[in-house]
């Protein structure tokens, strides 16, 4: 074997090893994102039943769980993440976010989707629009989930729309955005 041929063989083996490392790293990252999406989904589902108990938990208390009782099945971290997404975020519309995260995990694992950008847009738009609709329809829900079924985002933005255009105008704008 010539010296030149040995150099080419060693370069290809080095490149093959680097691509294996990259593949393993992508596999780990993809699986981590998939597990995170399942974690968030379980935390949000548990939050539907435990939101009143976990309301007093703040970010500072996550690392000292012995001081506070949480009813969320995933503990203080799950309670806080779910509260941020459901109560202080998009309400029930936030349940589309773990699906989006799951799709990102599959995409990292190189699973191909038809119309990828359209699916992303529809999930994000659906999250925002469902939050607005739920905030508009269920404004007087007597504090269910803190700010109602639309979360803080849906409650305040639909309130702004109602104040700006009245109930009929806000409903018409939301209807047009849906169609």
Foldseek 3Di string as FASTA:
>chain_A
DDPVVVVVVVVVVVVVVVVVVVLVVLLVVLVVLLVVLVLQLLLLVQCLVFVVQLVPQDPVCQVVQVVGDGRRPVGSVSNHSNLCPAAAHFAPLSSLVSVVSNVVSVVSNVDDDPPVVVVNVCSVLSSLLVLQVQLLVPQPVPQNSHRGRGHPNNVVVNVVQCVVPNSVRSVVVSVVSVD
